[in-house]
């Protein structure tokens, strides 16, 4: 199967080149901004569906993914536990 990104790589080589941010090297300059997917559970914790959504975006080639607000710990207030 042909790589569908190949024409873009040739036309926009900088977009597909690595980027160093501090000690982190991002494989390309494609970033996914945070958005409300409404897939968290009733208290704001990530669900299997929301994790699968982010995994699919990562496999799709986004170099940097900024997640939406999710609760990180069960025993903290909503505002204190947001990522």
C-alpha atoms as a PDB file:
ATOM      1  CA  UNK A   1       0.000   0.000   0.000  1.00  0.00           C
ATOM      2  CA  UNK A   2       1.318   3.463  -0.912  1.00  0.00           C
ATOM      3  CA  UNK A   3       2.171   5.940   1.840  1.00  0.00           C
ATOM      4  CA  UNK A   4      -0.541   8.620   1.603  1.00  0.00           C
ATOM      5  CA  UNK A   5       1.706  11.172   3.368  1.00  0.00           C
ATOM      6  CA  UNK A   6       4.489  10.842   0.780  1.00  0.00           C
ATOM      7  CA  UNK A   7       3.339  13.723  -1.506  1.00  0.00           C
ATOM      8  CA  UNK A   8       3.092  15.966   1.571  1.00  0.00           C
ATOM      9  CA  UNK A   9       6.575  14.976   2.706  1.00  0.00           C
ATOM     10  CA  UNK A  10       8.003  16.090  -0.623  1.00  0.00           C
ATOM     11  CA  UNK A  11       6.037  19.332  -0.750  1.00  0.00           C
ATOM     12  CA  UNK A  12       6.456  20.309   2.930  1.00  0.00           C
ATOM     13  CA  UNK A  13       9.706  18.716   4.133  1.00  0.00           C
ATOM     14  CA  UNK A  14      10.012  20.976   7.210  1.00  0.00           C
ATOM     15  CA  UNK A  15       6.561  19.902   8.445  1.00  0.00           C
ATOM     16  CA  UNK A  16       7.685  16.275   8.484  1.00  0.00           C
ATOM     17  CA  UNK A  17      11.128  16.915   9.973  1.00  0.00           C
ATOM     18  CA  UNK A  18      11.898  16.240  13.663  1.00  0.00           C
ATOM     19  CA  UNK A  19      11.699  19.043  16.226  1.00  0.00           C
ATOM     20  CA  UNK A  20      13.614  19.153  19.500  1.00  0.00           C
ATOM     21  CA  UNK A  21      11.788  20.661  22.505  1.00  0.00           C
ATOM     22  CA  UNK A  22      14.177  20.609  25.461  1.00  0.00           C
ATOM     23  CA  UNK A  23      15.223  16.976  25.795  1.00  0.00           C
ATOM     24  CA  UNK A  24      12.213  15.697  23.842  1.00  0.00           C
ATOM     25  CA  UNK A  25      12.472  15.027  20.117  1.00  0.00           C
ATOM     26  CA  UNK A  26       9.113  15.162  18.333  1.00  0.00           C
ATOM     27  CA  UNK A  27       9.168  13.062  15.122  1.00  0.00           C
ATOM     28  CA  UNK A  28       7.416  15.742  13.050  1.00  0.00           C
ATOM     29  CA  UNK A  29       5.813  19.164  13.459  1.00  0.00           C
ATOM     30  CA  UNK A  30       2.212  17.986  13.268  1.00  0.00           C
ATOM     31  CA  UNK A  31       0.441  18.790  16.546  1.00  0.00           C
ATOM     32  CA  UNK A  32      -3.034  17.803  17.696  1.00  0.00           C
ATOM     33  CA  UNK A  33      -4.532  20.528  19.878  1.00  0.00           C
ATOM     34  CA  UNK A  34      -6.641  19.610  22.916  1.00  0.00           C
ATOM     35  CA  UNK A  35     -10.341  19.238  22.231  1.00  0.00           C
ATOM     36  CA  UNK A  36     -13.365  18.013  24.133  1.00  0.00           C
ATOM     37  CA  UNK A  37     -14.077  14.445  23.042  1.00  0.00           C
ATOM     38  CA  UNK A  38     -16.675  13.900  25.805  1.00  0.00           C
ATOM     39  CA  UNK A  39     -15.408  10.337  26.259  1.00  0.00           C
ATOM     40  CA  UNK A  40     -14.394  10.589  29.935  1.00  0.00           C
ATOM     41  CA  UNK A  41     -16.567   8.967  32.569  1.00  0.00           C
ATOM     42  CA  UNK A  42     -18.952  10.902  34.840  1.00  0.00           C
ATOM     43  CA  UNK A  43     -16.120  12.109  37.127  1.00  0.00           C
ATOM     44  CA  UNK A  44     -13.730  13.058  34.321  1.00  0.00           C
ATOM     45  CA  UNK A  45     -11.456  10.005  34.294  1.00  0.00           C
ATOM     46  CA  UNK A  46     -10.156   8.732  30.958  1.00  0.00           C
ATOM     47  CA  UNK A  47     -12.013   5.670  29.674  1.00  0.00           C
ATOM     48  CA  UNK A  48     -10.903   2.839  27.396  1.00  0.00           C
ATOM     49  CA  UNK A  49     -12.676   4.676  24.547  1.00  0.00           C
ATOM     50  CA  UNK A  50     -10.790   7.910  25.161  1.00  0.00           C
ATOM     51  CA  UNK A  51      -7.467   6.078  25.406  1.00  0.00           C
ATOM     52  CA  UNK A  52      -8.216   4.271  22.131  1.00  0.00           C
ATOM     53  CA  UNK A  53      -9.037   7.653  20.523  1.00  0.00           C
ATOM     54  CA  UNK A  54      -5.602   9.054  21.468  1.00  0.00           C
ATOM     55  CA  UNK A  55      -3.829   5.844  20.420  1.00  0.00           C
ATOM     56  CA  UNK A  56      -5.472   6.108  16.980  1.00  0.00           C
ATOM     57  CA  UNK A  57      -4.267   9.713  16.613  1.00  0.00           C
ATOM     58  CA  UNK A  58      -0.745   8.709  17.617  1.00  0.00           C
ATOM     59  CA  UNK A  59      -0.731   5.865  15.088  1.00  0.00           C
ATOM     60  CA  UNK A  60      -2.049   8.323  12.505  1.00  0.00           C
ATOM     61  CA  UNK A  61       1.217  10.213  12.673  1.00  0.00           C
ATOM     62  CA  UNK A  62       0.680  13.280  14.868  1.00  0.00           C
ATOM     63  CA  UNK A  63       4.085  14.157  16.312  1.00  0.00           C
ATOM     64  CA  UNK A  64       2.722  15.976  19.364  1.00  0.00           C
ATOM     65  CA  UNK A  65      -0.630  15.287  21.027  1.00  0.00           C
ATOM     66  CA  UNK A  66      -1.939  17.620  23.721  1.00  0.00           C
ATOM     67  CA  UNK A  67      -4.671  15.841  25.651  1.00  0.00           C
ATOM     68  CA  UNK A  68      -7.875  17.346  26.899  1.00  0.00           C
ATOM     69  CA  UNK A  69      -8.513  17.813  30.608  1.00  0.00           C
ATOM     70  CA  UNK A  70      -8.841  14.471  32.391  1.00  0.00           C
ATOM     71  CA  UNK A  71      -8.925  13.554  36.046  1.00  0.00           C
ATOM     72  CA  UNK A  72      -5.596  12.068  37.111  1.00  0.00           C
ATOM     73  CA  UNK A  73      -6.431  10.763  40.607  1.00  0.00           C
ATOM     74  CA  UNK A  74      -9.594   9.357  42.113  1.00  0.00           C
ATOM     75  CA  UNK A  75      -9.321  10.983  45.553  1.00  0.00           C
ATOM     76  CA  UNK A  76      -8.775  14.660  44.712  1.00  0.00           C
ATOM     77  CA  UNK A  77     -11.137  17.480  43.882  1.00  0.00           C
ATOM     78  CA  UNK A  78     -12.003  17.999  40.242  1.00  0.00           C
ATOM     79  CA  UNK A  79      -9.833  21.101  39.782  1.00  0.00           C
ATOM     80  CA  UNK A  80      -6.846  19.684  41.660  1.00  0.00           C
ATOM     81  CA  UNK A  81      -6.759  16.478  39.662  1.00  0.00           C
ATOM     82  CA  UNK A  82      -6.994  17.839  36.123  1.00  0.00           C
ATOM     83  CA  UNK A  83      -4.039  17.060  33.872  1.00  0.00           C
END
